[in-house]
Amino acid sequence: ILAEVPQRPDDSELPDDAGLVAHVRSCLGDGAATELEWELSRYRSQG
């Protein structure tokens, strides 16, 4: 494999929760994305 690996973006450029969930859904499907979305939502709602 010959791969191009970009540097990790700055924290300010990383996707928000919804963007991360959408990315996971587009790659791994609804199962992994729904679980991630539920966990993030639970933590956020608890502060």
ModelCIF file with pLDDT and N, C-alpha, C, O atoms, coordinates in Angstrom:
data_MODEL
#
_entry.id   MODEL 
#
_entity.id                         1 
_entity.type                       polymer 
_entity.pdbx_number_of_molecules   1 
#
_entity_poly.entity_id                      1 
_entity_poly.type                           'polypeptide(L)' 
_entity_poly.nstd_linkage                   no 
_entity_poly.nstd_monomer                   no 
_entity_poly.pdbx_seq_one_letter_code       ILAEVPQRPDDSELPDDAGLVAHVRSCLGDGAATELEWELSRYRSQG 
_entity_poly.pdbx_seq_one_letter_code_can   ILAEVPQRPDDSELPDDAGLVAHVRSCLGDGAATELEWELSRYRSQG 
_entity_poly.pdbx_strand_id                 A 
#
loop_
_entity_poly_seq.entity_id 
_entity_poly_seq.num 
_entity_poly_seq.mon_id 
_entity_poly_seq.hetero 
1 1  ILE n 
1 2  LEU n 
1 3  ALA n 
1 4  GLU n 
1 5  VAL n 
1 6  PRO n 
1 7  GLN n 
1 8  ARG n 
1 9  PRO n 
1 10 ASP n 
1 11 ASP n 
1 12 SER n 
1 13 GLU n 
1 14 LEU n 
1 15 PRO n 
1 16 ASP n 
1 17 ASP n 
1 18 ALA n 
1 19 GLY n 
1 20 LEU n 
1 21 VAL n 
1 22 ALA n 
1 23 HIS n 
1 24 VAL n 
1 25 ARG n 
1 26 SER n 
1 27 CYS n 
1 28 LEU n 
1 29 GLY n 
1 30 ASP n 
1 31 GLY n 
1 32 ALA n 
1 33 ALA n 
1 34 THR n 
1 35 GLU n 
1 36 LEU n 
1 37 GLU n 
1 38 TRP n 
1 39 GLU n 
1 40 LEU n 
1 41 SER n 
1 42 ARG n 
1 43 TYR n 
1 44 ARG n 
1 45 SER n 
1 46 GLN n 
1 47 GLY n 
#
_struct_asym.id          A 
_struct_asym.entity_id   1 
#
loop_
_ma_qa_metric.id 
_ma_qa_metric.mode 
_ma_qa_metric.name 
_ma_qa_metric.software_group_id 
_ma_qa_metric.type 
1 global pLDDT . pLDDT 
2 local  pLDDT . pLDDT 
#
_ma_qa_metric_global.metric_id      1 
_ma_qa_metric_global.metric_value   95.40 
_ma_qa_metric_global.model_id       1 
_ma_qa_metric_global.ordinal_id     1 
#
loop_
_ma_qa_metric_local.label_asym_id 
_ma_qa_metric_local.label_comp_id 
_ma_qa_metric_local.label_seq_id 
_ma_qa_metric_local.metric_id 
_ma_qa_metric_local.metric_value 
_ma_qa_metric_local.model_id 
_ma_qa_metric_local.ordinal_id 
A ILE 1  2 98.00 1 1  
A LEU 2  2 97.00 1 2  
A ALA 3  2 96.00 1 3  
A GLU 4  2 95.00 1 4  
A VAL 5  2 94.00 1 5  
A PRO 6  2 93.00 1 6  
A GLN 7  2 92.00 1 7  
A ARG 8  2 92.00 1 8  
A PRO 9  2 92.00 1 9  
A ASP 10 2 92.00 1 10 
A ASP 11 2 92.00 1 11 
A SER 12 2 92.00 1 12 
A GLU 13 2 94.00 1 13 
A LEU 14 2 95.00 1 14 
A PRO 15 2 95.00 1 15 
A ASP 16 2 96.00 1 16 
A ASP 17 2 96.00 1 17 
A ALA 18 2 96.00 1 18 
A GLY 19 2 97.00 1 19 
A LEU 20 2 97.00 1 20 
A VAL 21 2 97.00 1 21 
A ALA 22 2 97.00 1 22 
A HIS 23 2 97.00 1 23 
A VAL 24 2 96.00 1 24 
A ARG 25 2 96.00 1 25 
A SER 26 2 96.00 1 26 
A CYS 27 2 95.00 1 27 
A LEU 28 2 94.00 1 28 
A GLY 29 2 95.00 1 29 
A ASP 30 2 95.00 1 30 
A GLY 31 2 95.00 1 31 
A ALA 32 2 95.00 1 32 
A ALA 33 2 96.00 1 33 
A THR 34 2 96.00 1 34 
A GLU 35 2 97.00 1 35 
A LEU 36 2 97.00 1 36 
A GLU 37 2 97.00 1 37 
A TRP 38 2 97.00 1 38 
A GLU 39 2 97.00 1 39 
A LEU 40 2 97.00 1 40 
A SER 41 2 97.00 1 41 
A ARG 42 2 96.00 1 42 
A TYR 43 2 96.00 1 43 
A ARG 44 2 96.00 1 44 
A SER 45 2 96.00 1 45 
A GLN 46 2 95.00 1 46 
A GLY 47 2 95.00 1 47 
#
loop_
_atom_site.group_PDB 
_atom_site.id 
_atom_site.type_symbol 
_atom_site.label_atom_id 
_atom_site.label_alt_id 
_atom_site.label_comp_id 
_atom_site.label_asym_id 
_atom_site.label_entity_id 
_atom_site.label_seq_id 
_atom_site.pdbx_PDB_ins_code 
_atom_site.Cartn_x 
_atom_site.Cartn_y 
_atom_site.Cartn_z 
_atom_site.occupancy 
_atom_site.B_iso_or_equiv 
_atom_site.pdbx_formal_charge 
_atom_site.auth_seq_id 
_atom_site.auth_comp_id 
_atom_site.auth_asym_id 
_atom_site.auth_atom_id 
_atom_site.pdbx_PDB_model_num 
ATOM 1   N N  . ILE A 1 1  ? 0.860   -1.189 0.000  1.00 98.00 ? 1  ILE A N  1 
ATOM 2   C CA . ILE A 1 1  ? 0.000   0.000  0.000  1.00 98.00 ? 1  ILE A CA 1 
ATOM 3   C C  . ILE A 1 1  ? 0.894   1.237  0.000  1.00 98.00 ? 1  ILE A C  1 
ATOM 4   O O  . ILE A 1 1  ? 1.816   1.344  0.808  1.00 98.00 ? 1  ILE A O  1 
ATOM 5   N N  . LEU A 1 2  ? 0.618   2.161  -0.903 1.00 97.00 ? 2  LEU A N  1 
ATOM 6   C CA . LEU A 1 2  ? 1.246   3.485  -0.890 1.00 97.00 ? 2  LEU A CA 1 
ATOM 7   C C  . LEU A 1 2  ? 0.167   4.475  -0.485 1.00 97.00 ? 2  LEU A C  1 
ATOM 8   O O  . LEU A 1 2  ? -0.816  4.656  -1.204 1.00 97.00 ? 2  LEU A O  1 
ATOM 9   N N  . ALA A 1 3  ? 0.345   5.114  0.658  1.00 96.00 ? 3  ALA A N  1 
ATOM 10  C CA . ALA A 1 3  ? -0.707  5.966  1.218  1.00 96.00 ? 3  ALA A CA 1 
ATOM 11  C C  . ALA A 1 3  ? -0.193  7.371  1.496  1.00 96.00 ? 3  ALA A C  1 
ATOM 12  O O  . ALA A 1 3  ? 0.957   7.578  1.884  1.00 96.00 ? 3  ALA A O  1 
ATOM 13  N N  . GLU A 1 4  ? -1.088  8.322  1.282  1.00 95.00 ? 4  GLU A N  1 
ATOM 14  C CA . GLU A 1 4  ? -0.832  9.710  1.671  1.00 95.00 ? 4  GLU A CA 1 
ATOM 15  C C  . GLU A 1 4  ? -1.563  9.960  2.990  1.00 95.00 ? 4  GLU A C  1 
ATOM 16  O O  . GLU A 1 4  ? -2.771  9.747  3.094  1.00 95.00 ? 4  GLU A O  1 
ATOM 17  N N  . VAL A 1 5  ? -0.813  10.414 3.991  1.00 94.00 ? 5  VAL A N  1 
ATOM 18  C CA . VAL A 1 5  ? -1.381  10.625 5.324  1.00 94.00 ? 5  VAL A CA 1 
ATOM 19  C C  . VAL A 1 5  ? -1.248  12.101 5.687  1.00 94.00 ? 5  VAL A C  1 
ATOM 20  O O  . VAL A 1 5  ? -0.138  12.574 5.928  1.00 94.00 ? 5  VAL A O  1 
ATOM 21  N N  . PRO A 1 6  ? -2.352  12.833 5.730  1.00 93.00 ? 6  PRO A N  1 
ATOM 22  C CA . PRO A 1 6  ? -2.277  14.249 6.110  1.00 93.00 ? 6  PRO A CA 1 
ATOM 23  C C  . PRO A 1 6  ? -2.065  14.411 7.614  1.00 93.00 ? 6  PRO A C  1 
ATOM 24  O O  . PRO A 1 6  ? -2.355  13.505 8.396  1.00 93.00 ? 6  PRO A O  1 
ATOM 25  N N  . GLN A 1 7  ? -1.567  15.551 7.995  1.00 92.00 ? 7  GLN A N  1 
ATOM 26  C CA . GLN A 1 7  ? -1.441  15.848 9.413  1.00 92.00 ? 7  GLN A CA 1 
ATOM 27  C C  . GLN A 1 7  ? -2.824  16.033 10.034 1.00 92.00 ? 7  GLN A C  1 
ATOM 28  O O  . GLN A 1 7  ? -3.765  16.464 9.368  1.00 92.00 ? 7  GLN A O  1 
ATOM 29  N N  . ARG A 1 8  ? -2.928  15.705 11.299 1.00 92.00 ? 8  ARG A N  1 
ATOM 30  C CA . ARG A 1 8  ? -4.200  15.901 12.001 1.00 92.00 ? 8  ARG A CA 1 
ATOM 31  C C  . ARG A 1 8  ? -4.537  17.381 12.041 1.00 92.00 ? 8  ARG A C  1 
ATOM 32  O O  . ARG A 1 8  ? -3.669  18.202 12.335 1.00 92.00 ? 8  ARG A O  1 
ATOM 33  N N  . PRO A 1 9  ? -5.789  17.737 11.749 1.00 92.00 ? 9  PRO A N  1 
ATOM 34  C CA . PRO A 1 9  ? -6.180  19.156 11.798 1.00 92.00 ? 9  PRO A CA 1 
ATOM 35  C C  . PRO A 1 9  ? -6.111  19.702 13.225 1.00 92.00 ? 9  PRO A C  1 
ATOM 36  O O  . PRO A 1 9  ? -6.094  18.941 14.193 1.00 92.00 ? 9  PRO A O  1 
ATOM 37  N N  . ASP A 1 10 ? -6.071  21.015 13.340 1.00 92.00 ? 10 ASP A N  1 
ATOM 38  C CA . ASP A 1 10 ? -6.157  21.649 14.646 1.00 92.00 ? 10 ASP A CA 1 
ATOM 39  C C  . ASP A 1 10 ? -7.501  21.315 15.290 1.00 92.00 ? 10 ASP A C  1 
ATOM 40  O O  . ASP A 1 10 ? -8.479  21.025 14.601 1.00 92.00 ? 10 ASP A O  1 
ATOM 41  N N  . ASP A 1 11 ? -7.532  21.359 16.601 1.00 92.00 ? 11 ASP A N  1 
ATOM 42  C CA . ASP A 1 11 ? -8.764  21.018 17.320 1.00 92.00 ? 11 ASP A CA 1 
ATOM 43  C C  . ASP A 1 11 ? -9.936  21.874 16.873 1.00 92.00 ? 11 ASP A C  1 
ATOM 44  O O  . ASP A 1 11 ? -11.076 21.409 16.841 1.00 92.00 ? 11 ASP A O  1 
ATOM 45  N N  . SER A 1 12 ? -9.656  23.129 16.526 1.00 92.00 ? 12 SER A N  1 
ATOM 46  C CA . SER A 1 12 ? -10.736 24.031 16.101 1.00 92.00 ? 12 SER A CA 1 
ATOM 47  C C  . SER A 1 12 ? -11.331 23.622 14.755 1.00 92.00 ? 12 SER A C  1 
ATOM 48  O O  . SER A 1 12 ? -12.441 24.031 14.415 1.00 92.00 ? 12 SER A O  1 
ATOM 49  N N  . GLU A 1 13 ? -10.589 22.812 13.987 1.00 94.00 ? 13 GLU A N  1 
ATOM 50  C CA . GLU A 1 13 ? -11.056 22.395 12.669 1.00 94.00 ? 13 GLU A CA 1 
ATOM 51  C C  . GLU A 1 13 ? -11.683 21.005 12.678 1.00 94.00 ? 13 GLU A C  1 
ATOM 52  O O  . GLU A 1 13 ? -12.181 20.548 11.649 1.00 94.00 ? 13 GLU A O  1 
ATOM 53  N N  . LEU A 1 14 ? -11.666 20.331 13.815 1.00 95.00 ? 14 LEU A N  1 
ATOM 54  C CA . LEU A 1 14 ? -12.275 19.013 13.899 1.00 95.00 ? 14 LEU A CA 1 
ATOM 55  C C  . LEU A 1 14 ? -13.794 19.119 13.823 1.00 95.00 ? 14 LEU A C  1 
ATOM 56  O O  . LEU A 1 14 ? -14.359 20.116 14.275 1.00 95.00 ? 14 LEU A O  1 
ATOM 57  N N  . PRO A 1 15 ? -14.470 18.115 13.263 1.00 95.00 ? 15 PRO A N  1 
ATOM 58  C CA . PRO A 1 15 ? -15.939 18.180 13.173 1.00 95.00 ? 15 PRO A CA 1 
ATOM 59  C C  . PRO A 1 15 ? -16.589 18.142 14.549 1.00 95.00 ? 15 PRO A C  1 
ATOM 60  O O  . PRO A 1 15 ? -16.031 17.587 15.495 1.00 95.00 ? 15 PRO A O  1 
ATOM 61  N N  . ASP A 1 16 ? -17.779 18.742 14.650 1.00 96.00 ? 16 ASP A N  1 
ATOM 62  C CA . ASP A 1 16 ? -18.521 18.689 15.908 1.00 96.00 ? 16 ASP A CA 1 
ATOM 63  C C  . ASP A 1 16 ? -19.141 17.310 16.083 1.00 96.00 ? 16 ASP A C  1 
ATOM 64  O O  . ASP A 1 16 ? -18.885 16.409 15.284 1.00 96.00 ? 16 ASP A O  1 
ATOM 65  N N  . ASP A 1 17 ? -19.944 17.139 17.108 1.00 96.00 ? 17 ASP A N  1 
ATOM 66  C CA . ASP A 1 17 ? -20.527 15.831 17.398 1.00 96.00 ? 17 ASP A CA 1 
ATOM 67  C C  . ASP A 1 17 ? -21.342 15.307 16.221 1.00 96.00 ? 17 ASP A C  1 
ATOM 68  O O  . ASP A 1 17 ? -21.213 14.146 15.834 1.00 96.00 ? 17 ASP A O  1 
ATOM 69  N N  . ALA A 1 18 ? -22.178 16.171 15.655 1.00 96.00 ? 18 ALA A N  1 
ATOM 70  C CA . ALA A 1 18 ? -23.018 15.749 14.533 1.00 96.00 ? 18 ALA A CA 1 
ATOM 71  C C  . ALA A 1 18 ? -22.171 15.374 13.325 1.00 96.00 ? 18 ALA A C  1 
ATOM 72  O O  . ALA A 1 18 ? -22.485 14.415 12.619 1.00 96.00 ? 18 ALA A O  1 
ATOM 73  N N  . GLY A 1 19 ? -21.095 16.127 13.081 1.00 97.00 ? 19 GLY A N  1 
ATOM 74  C CA . GLY A 1 19 ? -20.215 15.817 11.953 1.00 97.00 ? 19 GLY A CA 1 
ATOM 75  C C  . GLY A 1 19 ? -19.495 14.502 12.131 1.00 97.00 ? 19 GLY A C  1 
ATOM 76  O O  . GLY A 1 19 ? -19.338 13.740 11.177 1.00 97.00 ? 19 GLY A O  1 
ATOM 77  N N  . LEU A 1 20 ? -19.049 14.226 13.362 1.00 97.00 ? 20 LEU A N  1 
ATOM 78  C CA . LEU A 1 20 ? -18.374 12.956 13.635 1.00 97.00 ? 20 LEU A CA 1 
ATOM 79  C C  . LEU A 1 20 ? -19.334 11.784 13.462 1.00 97.00 ? 20 LEU A C  1 
ATOM 80  O O  . LEU A 1 20 ? -18.977 10.764 12.871 1.00 97.00 ? 20 LEU A O  1 
ATOM 81  N N  . VAL A 1 21 ? -20.545 11.932 13.975 1.00 97.00 ? 21 VAL A N  1 
ATOM 82  C CA . VAL A 1 21 ? -21.549 10.869 13.842 1.00 97.00 ? 21 VAL A CA 1 
ATOM 83  C C  . VAL A 1 21 ? -21.875 10.629 12.364 1.00 97.00 ? 21 VAL A C  1 
ATOM 84  O O  . VAL A 1 21 ? -21.998 9.483  11.931 1.00 97.00 ? 21 VAL A O  1 
ATOM 85  N N  . ALA A 1 22 ? -22.011 11.698 11.603 1.00 97.00 ? 22 ALA A N  1 
ATOM 86  C CA . ALA A 1 22 ? -22.310 11.549 10.171 1.00 97.00 ? 22 ALA A CA 1 
ATOM 87  C C  . ALA A 1 22 ? -21.177 10.842 9.442  1.00 97.00 ? 22 ALA A C  1 
ATOM 88  O O  . ALA A 1 22 ? -21.416 10.017 8.560  1.00 97.00 ? 22 ALA A O  1 
ATOM 89  N N  . HIS A 1 23 ? -19.941 11.168 9.814  1.00 97.00 ? 23 HIS A N  1 
ATOM 90  C CA . HIS A 1 23 ? -18.781 10.510 9.182  1.00 97.00 ? 23 HIS A CA 1 
ATOM 91  C C  . HIS A 1 23 ? -18.758 9.025  9.503  1.00 97.00 ? 23 HIS A C  1 
ATOM 92  O O  . HIS A 1 23 ? -18.534 8.202  8.616  1.00 97.00 ? 23 HIS A O  1 
ATOM 93  N N  . VAL A 1 24 ? -18.986 8.679  10.757 1.00 96.00 ? 24 VAL A N  1 
ATOM 94  C CA . VAL A 1 24 ? -19.006 7.269  11.155 1.00 96.00 ? 24 VAL A CA 1 
ATOM 95  C C  . VAL A 1 24 ? -20.143 6.537  10.456 1.00 96.00 ? 24 VAL A C  1 
ATOM 96  O O  . VAL A 1 24 ? -19.979 5.393  10.033 1.00 96.00 ? 24 VAL A O  1 
ATOM 97  N N  . ARG A 1 25 ? -21.288 7.187  10.334 1.00 96.00 ? 25 ARG A N  1 
ATOM 98  C CA . ARG A 1 25 ? -22.425 6.550  9.659  1.00 96.00 ? 25 ARG A CA 1 
ATOM 99  C C  . ARG A 1 25 ? -22.115 6.279  8.189  1.00 96.00 ? 25 ARG A C  1 
ATOM 100 O O  . ARG A 1 25 ? -22.478 5.225  7.666  1.00 96.00 ? 25 ARG A O  1 
ATOM 101 N N  . SER A 1 26 ? -21.454 7.209  7.526  1.00 96.00 ? 26 SER A N  1 
ATOM 102 C CA . SER A 1 26 ? -21.144 7.026  6.103  1.00 96.00 ? 26 SER A CA 1 
ATOM 103 C C  . SER A 1 26 ? -20.142 5.906  5.871  1.00 96.00 ? 26 SER A C  1 
ATOM 104 O O  . SER A 1 26 ? -20.075 5.342  4.779  1.00 96.00 ? 26 SER A O  1 
ATOM 105 N N  . CYS A 1 27 ? -19.352 5.582  6.914  1.00 95.00 ? 27 CYS A N  1 
ATOM 106 C CA . CYS A 1 27 ? -18.325 4.546  6.763  1.00 95.00 ? 27 CYS A CA 1 
ATOM 107 C C  . CYS A 1 27 ? -18.758 3.207  7.342  1.00 95.00 ? 27 CYS A C  1 
ATOM 108 O O  . CYS A 1 27 ? -18.594 2.169  6.700  1.00 95.00 ? 27 CYS A O  1 
ATOM 109 N N  . LEU A 1 28 ? -19.309 3.223  8.549  1.00 94.00 ? 28 LEU A N  1 
ATOM 110 C CA . LEU A 1 28 ? -19.588 1.989  9.277  1.00 94.00 ? 28 LEU A CA 1 
ATOM 111 C C  . LEU A 1 28 ? -21.066 1.656  9.379  1.00 94.00 ? 28 LEU A C  1 
ATOM 112 O O  . LEU A 1 28 ? -21.424 0.585  9.868  1.00 94.00 ? 28 LEU A O  1 
ATOM 113 N N  . GLY A 1 29 ? -21.930 2.554  8.926  1.00 95.00 ? 29 GLY A N  1 
ATOM 114 C CA . GLY A 1 29 ? -23.351 2.253  8.947  1.00 95.00 ? 29 GLY A CA 1 
ATOM 115 C C  . GLY A 1 29 ? -24.053 2.780  10.188 1.00 95.00 ? 29 GLY A C  1 
ATOM 116 O O  . GLY A 1 29 ? -23.449 3.427  11.043 1.00 95.00 ? 29 GLY A O  1 
ATOM 117 N N  . ASP A 1 30 ? -25.350 2.486  10.261 1.00 95.00 ? 30 ASP A N  1 
ATOM 118 C CA . ASP A 1 30 ? -26.189 3.044  11.321 1.00 95.00 ? 30 ASP A CA 1 
ATOM 119 C C  . ASP A 1 30 ? -25.863 2.497  12.701 1.00 95.00 ? 30 ASP A C  1 
ATOM 120 O O  . ASP A 1 30 ? -25.992 3.218  13.690 1.00 95.00 ? 30 ASP A O  1 
ATOM 121 N N  . GLY A 1 31 ? -25.439 1.221  12.793 1.00 95.00 ? 31 GLY A N  1 
ATOM 122 C CA . GLY A 1 31 ? -25.208 0.623  14.102 1.00 95.00 ? 31 GLY A CA 1 
ATOM 123 C C  . GLY A 1 31 ? -24.178 1.374  14.920 1.00 95.00 ? 31 GLY A C  1 
ATOM 124 O O  . GLY A 1 31 ? -24.468 1.822  16.029 1.00 95.00 ? 31 GLY A O  1 
ATOM 125 N N  . ALA A 1 32 ? -22.970 1.515  14.377 1.00 95.00 ? 32 ALA A N  1 
ATOM 126 C CA . ALA A 1 32 ? -21.897 2.200  15.098 1.00 95.00 ? 32 ALA A CA 1 
ATOM 127 C C  . ALA A 1 32 ? -22.218 3.674  15.295 1.00 95.00 ? 32 ALA A C  1 
ATOM 128 O O  . ALA A 1 32 ? -21.913 4.247  16.341 1.00 95.00 ? 32 ALA A O  1 
ATOM 129 N N  . ALA A 1 33 ? -22.839 4.292  14.282 1.00 96.00 ? 33 ALA A N  1 
ATOM 130 C CA . ALA A 1 33 ? -23.149 5.726  14.380 1.00 96.00 ? 33 ALA A CA 1 
ATOM 131 C C  . ALA A 1 33 ? -24.214 5.994  15.435 1.00 96.00 ? 33 ALA A C  1 
ATOM 132 O O  . ALA A 1 33 ? -24.111 6.959  16.192 1.00 96.00 ? 33 ALA A O  1 
ATOM 133 N N  . THR A 1 34 ? -25.235 5.143  15.487 1.00 96.00 ? 34 THR A N  1 
ATOM 134 C CA . THR A 1 34 ? -26.306 5.335  16.469 1.00 96.00 ? 34 THR A CA 1 
ATOM 135 C C  . THR A 1 34 ? -25.781 5.169  17.889 1.00 96.00 ? 34 THR A C  1 
ATOM 136 O O  . THR A 1 34 ? -26.161 5.918  18.789 1.00 96.00 ? 34 THR A O  1 
ATOM 137 N N  . GLU A 1 35 ? -24.916 4.195  18.086 1.00 97.00 ? 35 GLU A N  1 
ATOM 138 C CA . GLU A 1 35 ? -24.330 4.001  19.420 1.00 97.00 ? 35 GLU A CA 1 
ATOM 139 C C  . GLU A 1 35 ? -23.479 5.197  19.826 1.00 97.00 ? 35 GLU A C  1 
ATOM 140 O O  . GLU A 1 35 ? -23.557 5.660  20.963 1.00 97.00 ? 35 GLU A O  1 
ATOM 141 N N  . LEU A 1 36 ? -22.662 5.700  18.892 1.00 97.00 ? 36 LEU A N  1 
ATOM 142 C CA . LEU A 1 36 ? -21.833 6.872  19.181 1.00 97.00 ? 36 LEU A CA 1 
ATOM 143 C C  . LEU A 1 36 ? -22.703 8.086  19.473 1.00 97.00 ? 36 LEU A C  1 
ATOM 144 O O  . LEU A 1 36 ? -22.429 8.837  20.409 1.00 97.00 ? 36 LEU A O  1 
ATOM 145 N N  . GLU A 1 37 ? -23.748 8.281  18.679 1.00 97.00 ? 37 GLU A N  1 
ATOM 146 C CA . GLU A 1 37 ? -24.640 9.420  18.870 1.00 97.00 ? 37 GLU A CA 1 
ATOM 147 C C  . GLU A 1 37 ? -25.321 9.359  20.233 1.00 97.00 ? 37 GLU A C  1 
ATOM 148 O O  . GLU A 1 37 ? -25.448 10.375 20.916 1.00 97.00 ? 37 GLU A O  1 
ATOM 149 N N  . TRP A 1 38 ? -25.760 8.156  20.627 1.00 97.00 ? 38 TRP A N  1 
ATOM 150 C CA . TRP A 1 38 ? -26.435 7.995  21.913 1.00 97.00 ? 38 TRP A CA 1 
ATOM 151 C C  . TRP A 1 38 ? -25.482 8.298  23.067 1.00 97.00 ? 38 TRP A C  1 
ATOM 152 O O  . TRP A 1 38 ? -25.863 8.978  24.020 1.00 97.00 ? 38 TRP A O  1 
ATOM 153 N N  . GLU A 1 39 ? -24.254 7.801  22.992 1.00 97.00 ? 39 GLU A N  1 
ATOM 154 C CA . GLU A 1 39 ? -23.287 8.038  24.072 1.00 97.00 ? 39 GLU A CA 1 
ATOM 155 C C  . GLU A 1 39 ? -22.943 9.511  24.187 1.00 97.00 ? 39 GLU A C  1 
ATOM 156 O O  . GLU A 1 39 ? -22.898 10.053 25.292 1.00 97.00 ? 39 GLU A O  1 
ATOM 157 N N  . LEU A 1 40 ? -22.700 10.168 23.058 1.00 97.00 ? 40 LEU A N  1 
ATOM 158 C CA . LEU A 1 40 ? -22.386 11.601 23.102 1.00 97.00 ? 40 LEU A CA 1 
ATOM 159 C C  . LEU A 1 40 ? -23.546 12.409 23.657 1.00 97.00 ? 40 LEU A C  1 
ATOM 160 O O  . LEU A 1 40 ? -23.351 13.320 24.462 1.00 97.00 ? 40 LEU A O  1 
ATOM 161 N N  . SER A 1 41 ? -24.755 12.070 23.222 1.00 97.00 ? 41 SER A N  1 
ATOM 162 C CA . SER A 1 41 ? -25.945 12.779 23.696 1.00 97.00 ? 41 SER A CA 1 
ATOM 163 C C  . SER A 1 41 ? -26.123 12.585 25.197 1.00 97.00 ? 41 SER A C  1 
ATOM 164 O O  . SER A 1 41 ? -26.481 13.525 25.906 1.00 97.00 ? 41 SER A O  1 
ATOM 165 N N  . ARG A 1 42 ? -25.876 11.367 25.688 1.00 96.00 ? 42 ARG A N  1 
ATOM 166 C CA . ARG A 1 42 ? -26.041 11.087 27.118 1.00 96.00 ? 42 ARG A CA 1 
ATOM 167 C C  . ARG A 1 42 ? -25.032 11.887 27.942 1.00 96.00 ? 42 ARG A C  1 
ATOM 168 O O  . ARG A 1 42 ? -25.377 12.472 28.968 1.00 96.00 ? 42 ARG A O  1 
ATOM 169 N N  . TYR A 1 43 ? -23.770 11.904 27.473 1.00 96.00 ? 43 TYR A N  1 
ATOM 170 C CA . TYR A 1 43 ? -22.764 12.671 28.217 1.00 96.00 ? 43 TYR A CA 1 
ATOM 171 C C  . TYR A 1 43 ? -23.083 14.163 28.209 1.00 96.00 ? 43 TYR A C  1 
ATOM 172 O O  . TYR A 1 43 ? -22.949 14.832 29.233 1.00 96.00 ? 43 TYR A O  1 
ATOM 173 N N  . ARG A 1 44 ? -23.501 14.683 27.062 1.00 96.00 ? 44 ARG A N  1 
ATOM 174 C CA . ARG A 1 44 ? -23.803 16.119 26.964 1.00 96.00 ? 44 ARG A CA 1 
ATOM 175 C C  . ARG A 1 44 ? -24.986 16.487 27.843 1.00 96.00 ? 44 ARG A C  1 
ATOM 176 O O  . ARG A 1 44 ? -24.976 17.531 28.496 1.00 96.00 ? 44 ARG A O  1 
ATOM 177 N N  . SER A 1 45 ? -26.006 15.633 27.865 1.00 96.00 ? 45 SER A N  1 
ATOM 178 C CA . SER A 1 45 ? -27.202 15.931 28.663 1.00 96.00 ? 45 SER A CA 1 
ATOM 179 C C  . SER A 1 45 ? -26.899 15.895 30.159 1.00 96.00 ? 45 SER A C  1 
ATOM 180 O O  . SER A 1 45 ? -27.566 16.563 30.949 1.00 96.00 ? 45 SER A O  1 
ATOM 181 N N  . GLN A 1 46 ? -25.891 15.114 30.546 1.00 95.00 ? 46 GLN A N  1 
ATOM 182 C CA . GLN A 1 46 ? -25.489 15.040 31.955 1.00 95.00 ? 46 GLN A CA 1 
ATOM 183 C C  . GLN A 1 46 ? -24.509 16.142 32.330 1.00 95.00 ? 46 GLN A C  1 
ATOM 184 O O  . GLN A 1 46 ? -24.131 16.281 33.493 1.00 95.00 ? 46 GLN A O  1 
ATOM 185 N N  . GLY A 1 47 ? -24.097 16.929 31.329 1.00 95.00 ? 47 GLY A N  1 
ATOM 186 C CA . GLY A 1 47 ? -23.100 17.958 31.592 1.00 95.00 ? 47 GLY A CA 1 
ATOM 187 C C  . GLY A 1 47 ? -21.702 17.393 31.738 1.00 95.00 ? 47 GLY A C  1 
ATOM 188 O O  . GLY A 1 47 ? -20.753 18.144 31.964 1.00 95.00 ? 47 GLY A O  1 
#
